[in-house]
Amino acid sequence: MTTVFHQIEHWTYPIAPGGAVWLSYGPDDRYKNGTVQVTCCASTSVGGQVFTQTISVPEVFITSVPLISGDLVFQSFYAGFNVTNRGQNTINFFSVAITVIGP
């Protein structure tokens, strides 16, 4: 049976034109065997004016970190990605939507 996890977060973080911010989520076992999709949406409001904004998430990285306790080895899984401002104006507000489709 397939499971779907979906989460949306809203961020207040300035990203200059051409700049990026790294976001990481986890640890979460869903990232181990699931398909992770991320999309972002920028607010068009900048200092009381309205501009066209372009934002992207070029790729998603899944990182597994070993945790050793005596003879036992456990793993923690993280999803990380850059949110990149591809436009000509600073982005001050944006949302991040993460969807994980798993077994």
N, C-alpha and C. Protein backbone atom coordinates (compact mmCIF):
# COMPACT_ATOMS: atom_id res chain seq x y z
N MET A 1 0.83 -1.17 0.00
CA MET A 1 0.00 0.00 0.00
C MET A 1 0.89 1.25 0.00
N THR A 2 0.57 2.21 -0.82
CA THR A 2 1.33 3.44 -0.95
C THR A 2 0.91 4.44 0.12
N THR A 3 1.90 5.17 0.64
CA THR A 3 1.61 6.25 1.58
C THR A 3 2.05 7.57 0.95
N VAL A 4 1.34 8.62 1.27
CA VAL A 4 1.69 9.96 0.78
C VAL A 4 1.78 10.89 1.98
N PHE A 5 2.90 11.57 2.09
CA PHE A 5 3.11 12.58 3.13
C PHE A 5 3.30 13.91 2.43
N HIS A 6 2.58 14.93 2.88
CA HIS A 6 2.69 16.25 2.25
C HIS A 6 2.76 17.32 3.34
N GLN A 7 3.69 18.26 3.17
CA GLN A 7 3.90 19.29 4.17
C GLN A 7 4.20 20.61 3.46
N ILE A 8 3.62 21.70 3.93
CA ILE A 8 3.91 23.03 3.39
C ILE A 8 4.37 23.93 4.53
N GLU A 9 5.47 24.65 4.30
CA GLU A 9 5.98 25.61 5.28
C GLU A 9 6.16 26.95 4.59
N HIS A 10 5.95 28.02 5.35
CA HIS A 10 6.12 29.37 4.83
C HIS A 10 7.37 29.98 5.48
N TRP A 11 8.22 30.59 4.66
CA TRP A 11 9.49 31.13 5.12
C TRP A 11 9.55 32.64 4.91
N THR A 12 10.14 33.34 5.85
CA THR A 12 10.50 34.75 5.72
C THR A 12 12.01 34.79 5.75
N TYR A 13 12.60 34.80 4.57
CA TYR A 13 14.06 34.77 4.47
C TYR A 13 14.45 35.45 3.17
N PRO A 14 15.23 36.52 3.21
CA PRO A 14 15.59 37.19 1.97
C PRO A 14 16.61 36.40 1.14
N ILE A 15 16.29 36.25 -0.14
CA ILE A 15 17.21 35.60 -1.08
C ILE A 15 17.47 36.59 -2.20
N ALA A 16 18.69 37.07 -2.31
CA ALA A 16 19.06 38.05 -3.34
C ALA A 16 19.00 37.41 -4.73
N PRO A 17 18.87 38.21 -5.78
CA PRO A 17 18.89 37.66 -7.14
C PRO A 17 20.15 36.82 -7.37
N GLY A 18 19.97 35.61 -7.85
CA GLY A 18 21.09 34.68 -8.07
C GLY A 18 21.53 33.95 -6.82
N GLY A 19 20.99 34.31 -5.67
CA GLY A 19 21.38 33.69 -4.40
C GLY A 19 20.55 32.45 -4.11
N ALA A 20 20.95 31.75 -3.07
CA ALA A 20 20.26 30.51 -2.68
C ALA A 20 20.34 30.34 -1.17
N VAL A 21 19.41 29.56 -0.64
CA VAL A 21 19.43 29.18 0.77
C VAL A 21 19.29 27.65 0.82
N TRP A 22 20.10 27.02 1.66
CA TRP A 22 20.06 25.56 1.83
C TRP A 22 19.07 25.23 2.94
N LEU A 23 18.15 24.31 2.65
CA LEU A 23 17.21 23.82 3.65
C LEU A 23 17.38 22.31 3.78
N SER A 24 17.27 21.82 5.01
CA SER A 24 17.41 20.39 5.27
C SER A 24 16.29 19.95 6.21
N TYR A 25 15.70 18.81 5.91
CA TYR A 25 14.62 18.26 6.72
C TYR A 25 15.00 16.85 7.16
N GLY A 26 14.66 16.51 8.39
CA GLY A 26 14.95 15.18 8.90
C GLY A 26 15.45 15.28 10.32
N PRO A 27 15.82 14.17 10.92
CA PRO A 27 15.80 12.84 10.30
C PRO A 27 14.38 12.31 10.16
N ASP A 28 14.20 11.50 9.12
CA ASP A 28 12.90 10.89 8.87
C ASP A 28 13.10 9.64 8.02
N ASP A 29 12.59 8.50 8.47
CA ASP A 29 12.74 7.25 7.73
C ASP A 29 12.01 7.26 6.39
N ARG A 30 11.04 8.17 6.22
CA ARG A 30 10.31 8.24 4.94
C ARG A 30 11.25 8.55 3.78
N TYR A 31 12.34 9.29 4.07
CA TYR A 31 13.28 9.66 3.01
C TYR A 31 14.10 8.47 2.52
N LYS A 32 14.14 7.38 3.28
CA LYS A 32 14.95 6.21 2.93
C LYS A 32 14.46 5.52 1.67
N ASN A 33 13.18 5.22 1.58
CA ASN A 33 12.66 4.45 0.45
C ASN A 33 11.61 5.20 -0.35
N GLY A 34 11.34 6.44 0.00
CA GLY A 34 10.29 7.19 -0.68
C GLY A 34 10.82 8.05 -1.81
N THR A 35 9.90 8.48 -2.66
CA THR A 35 10.20 9.46 -3.70
C THR A 35 9.93 10.83 -3.10
N VAL A 36 10.96 11.68 -3.07
CA VAL A 36 10.85 12.99 -2.44
C VAL A 36 10.74 14.05 -3.53
N GLN A 37 9.68 14.84 -3.47
CA GLN A 37 9.48 15.94 -4.41
C GLN A 37 9.39 17.23 -3.62
N VAL A 38 10.03 18.27 -4.13
CA VAL A 38 10.03 19.58 -3.47
C VAL A 38 9.72 20.65 -4.50
N THR A 39 8.86 21.57 -4.13
CA THR A 39 8.61 22.74 -4.96
C THR A 39 8.49 23.95 -4.06
N CYS A 40 8.78 25.12 -4.61
CA CYS A 40 8.69 26.36 -3.86
C CYS A 40 7.87 27.37 -4.65
N CYS A 41 7.30 28.32 -3.92
CA CYS A 41 6.54 29.39 -4.55
C CYS A 41 6.89 30.69 -3.83
N ALA A 42 7.36 31.69 -4.60
CA ALA A 42 7.75 32.97 -4.02
C ALA A 42 6.58 33.94 -4.01
N SER A 43 6.53 34.78 -2.99
CA SER A 43 5.55 35.86 -2.94
C SER A 43 5.97 36.94 -3.93
N THR A 44 5.02 37.58 -4.56
CA THR A 44 5.34 38.62 -5.53
C THR A 44 5.50 39.99 -4.89
N SER A 45 5.26 40.09 -3.58
CA SER A 45 5.35 41.38 -2.90
C SER A 45 6.77 41.64 -2.40
N VAL A 46 7.32 42.81 -2.76
CA VAL A 46 8.65 43.21 -2.32
C VAL A 46 8.56 44.66 -1.87
N GLY A 47 8.64 44.91 -0.57
CA GLY A 47 8.62 46.28 -0.07
C GLY A 47 7.40 47.08 -0.50
N GLY A 48 6.24 46.45 -0.53
CA GLY A 48 5.02 47.14 -0.90
C GLY A 48 4.78 47.23 -2.39
N GLN A 49 5.74 46.77 -3.20
CA GLN A 49 5.58 46.74 -4.65
C GLN A 49 5.42 45.29 -5.09
N VAL A 50 4.87 45.11 -6.29
CA VAL A 50 4.63 43.77 -6.80
C VAL A 50 5.53 43.52 -8.01
N PHE A 51 6.29 42.41 -7.96
CA PHE A 51 7.22 42.03 -9.02
C PHE A 51 6.98 40.58 -9.42
N THR A 52 7.39 40.25 -10.63
CA THR A 52 7.44 38.85 -11.05
C THR A 52 8.64 38.21 -10.35
N GLN A 53 8.42 37.03 -9.76
CA GLN A 53 9.49 36.32 -9.05
C GLN A 53 9.67 34.93 -9.65
N THR A 54 10.91 34.48 -9.72
CA THR A 54 11.20 33.13 -10.21
C THR A 54 12.08 32.43 -9.18
N ILE A 55 11.63 31.25 -8.75
CA ILE A 55 12.33 30.49 -7.70
C ILE A 55 12.42 29.03 -8.16
N SER A 56 13.51 28.35 -7.79
CA SER A 56 13.65 26.95 -8.22
C SER A 56 14.31 26.11 -7.15
N VAL A 57 14.08 24.81 -7.26
CA VAL A 57 14.77 23.80 -6.46
C VAL A 57 15.40 22.85 -7.48
N PRO A 58 16.68 23.07 -7.82
CA PRO A 58 17.29 22.29 -8.90
C PRO A 58 17.39 20.79 -8.64
N GLU A 59 17.67 20.39 -7.41
CA GLU A 59 17.77 18.97 -7.11
C GLU A 59 17.62 18.74 -5.61
N VAL A 60 17.22 17.53 -5.27
CA VAL A 60 17.03 17.14 -3.87
C VAL A 60 18.09 16.11 -3.52
N PHE A 61 18.76 16.29 -2.40
CA PHE A 61 19.79 15.37 -1.93
C PHE A 61 19.25 14.58 -0.74
N ILE A 62 19.43 13.27 -0.76
CA ILE A 62 19.08 12.42 0.38
C ILE A 62 20.39 11.97 1.02
N THR A 63 20.54 12.27 2.29
CA THR A 63 21.77 11.94 3.01
C THR A 63 21.45 10.94 4.11
N SER A 64 22.22 9.86 4.18
CA SER A 64 22.08 8.90 5.28
C SER A 64 23.29 9.02 6.19
N VAL A 65 23.02 9.12 7.47
CA VAL A 65 24.06 9.30 8.48
C VAL A 65 24.06 8.08 9.39
N PRO A 66 25.20 7.37 9.48
CA PRO A 66 25.25 6.21 10.37
C PRO A 66 25.35 6.65 11.83
N LEU A 67 24.65 5.93 12.69
CA LEU A 67 24.70 6.14 14.13
C LEU A 67 25.12 4.82 14.77
N ILE A 68 26.28 4.81 15.37
CA ILE A 68 26.82 3.57 15.92
C ILE A 68 26.64 3.57 17.44
N SER A 69 26.05 2.49 17.94
CA SER A 69 25.86 2.31 19.38
C SER A 69 26.32 0.90 19.72
N GLY A 70 27.56 0.80 20.20
CA GLY A 70 28.13 -0.52 20.48
C GLY A 70 28.32 -1.28 19.18
N ASP A 71 27.69 -2.48 19.10
CA ASP A 71 27.79 -3.28 17.88
C ASP A 71 26.66 -2.98 16.89
N LEU A 72 25.75 -2.10 17.25
CA LEU A 72 24.60 -1.80 16.41
C LEU A 72 24.86 -0.55 15.56
N VAL A 73 24.40 -0.61 14.31
CA VAL A 73 24.51 0.54 13.42
C VAL A 73 23.10 0.94 12.98
N PHE A 74 22.73 2.16 13.28
CA PHE A 74 21.44 2.71 12.88
C PHE A 74 21.70 3.78 11.83
N GLN A 75 20.65 4.23 11.15
CA GLN A 75 20.80 5.28 10.15
C GLN A 75 19.73 6.34 10.34
N SER A 76 20.12 7.57 10.09
CA SER A 76 19.18 8.69 10.04
C SER A 76 19.19 9.22 8.61
N PHE A 77 18.02 9.60 8.10
CA PHE A 77 17.90 10.05 6.71
C PHE A 77 17.40 11.49 6.67
N TYR A 78 18.04 12.29 5.82
CA TYR A 78 17.72 13.71 5.68
C TYR A 78 17.49 14.03 4.21
N ALA A 79 16.58 14.97 3.94
CA ALA A 79 16.39 15.52 2.61
C ALA A 79 16.87 16.97 2.65
N GLY A 80 17.70 17.34 1.70
CA GLY A 80 18.23 18.71 1.65
C GLY A 80 18.22 19.24 0.23
N PHE A 81 18.12 20.56 0.10
CA PHE A 81 18.04 21.17 -1.23
C PHE A 81 18.31 22.66 -1.12
N ASN A 82 18.73 23.24 -2.24
CA ASN A 82 18.89 24.68 -2.35
C ASN A 82 17.61 25.28 -2.92
N VAL A 83 17.17 26.38 -2.34
CA VAL A 83 16.09 27.18 -2.90
C VAL A 83 16.80 28.37 -3.55
N THR A 84 16.68 28.49 -4.87
CA THR A 84 17.45 29.47 -5.64
C THR A 84 16.56 30.55 -6.23
N ASN A 85 16.97 31.79 -6.07
CA ASN A 85 16.27 32.93 -6.67
C ASN A 85 16.79 33.09 -8.10
N ARG A 86 15.96 32.78 -9.09
CA ARG A 86 16.34 32.87 -10.50
C ARG A 86 15.88 34.19 -11.14
N GLY A 87 15.28 35.07 -10.33
CA GLY A 87 14.74 36.31 -10.87
C GLY A 87 15.67 37.49 -10.67
N GLN A 88 15.11 38.68 -10.89
CA GLN A 88 15.89 39.92 -10.83
C GLN A 88 15.64 40.73 -9.57
N ASN A 89 14.76 40.25 -8.70
CA ASN A 89 14.42 40.96 -7.47
C ASN A 89 14.60 40.06 -6.26
N THR A 90 14.88 40.66 -5.12
CA THR A 90 15.03 39.90 -3.88
C THR A 90 13.71 39.23 -3.50
N ILE A 91 13.78 37.97 -3.12
CA ILE A 91 12.62 37.24 -2.61
C ILE A 91 12.68 37.33 -1.09
N ASN A 92 11.60 37.80 -0.48
CA ASN A 92 11.55 37.91 0.98
C ASN A 92 10.67 36.86 1.63
N PHE A 93 9.68 36.38 0.90
CA PHE A 93 8.73 35.40 1.44
C PHE A 93 8.54 34.29 0.42
N PHE A 94 8.57 33.04 0.88
CA PHE A 94 8.34 31.92 -0.03
C PHE A 94 7.80 30.73 0.76
N SER A 95 7.16 29.83 0.04
CA SER A 95 6.67 28.61 0.67
C SER A 95 7.42 27.42 0.08
N VAL A 96 7.53 26.37 0.89
CA VAL A 96 8.18 25.13 0.48
C VAL A 96 7.16 24.01 0.66
N ALA A 97 6.93 23.24 -0.39
CA ALA A 97 6.04 22.07 -0.31
C ALA A 97 6.87 20.82 -0.53
N ILE A 98 6.80 19.91 0.42
CA ILE A 98 7.54 18.63 0.34
C ILE A 98 6.52 17.51 0.30
N THR A 99 6.65 16.63 -0.69
CA THR A 99 5.80 15.46 -0.80
C THR A 99 6.68 14.22 -0.84
N VAL A 100 6.36 13.22 -0.04
CA VAL A 100 7.07 11.94 -0.05
C VAL A 100 6.06 10.85 -0.36
N ILE A 101 6.32 10.12 -1.44
CA ILE A 101 5.49 8.99 -1.82
C ILE A 101 6.29 7.75 -1.50
N GLY A 102 5.75 6.91 -0.64
CA GLY A 102 6.52 5.76 -0.20
C GLY A 102 5.70 4.49 -0.12
N PRO A 103 6.40 3.41 0.17
CA PRO A 103 5.73 2.12 0.29
C PRO A 103 4.88 2.06 1.55
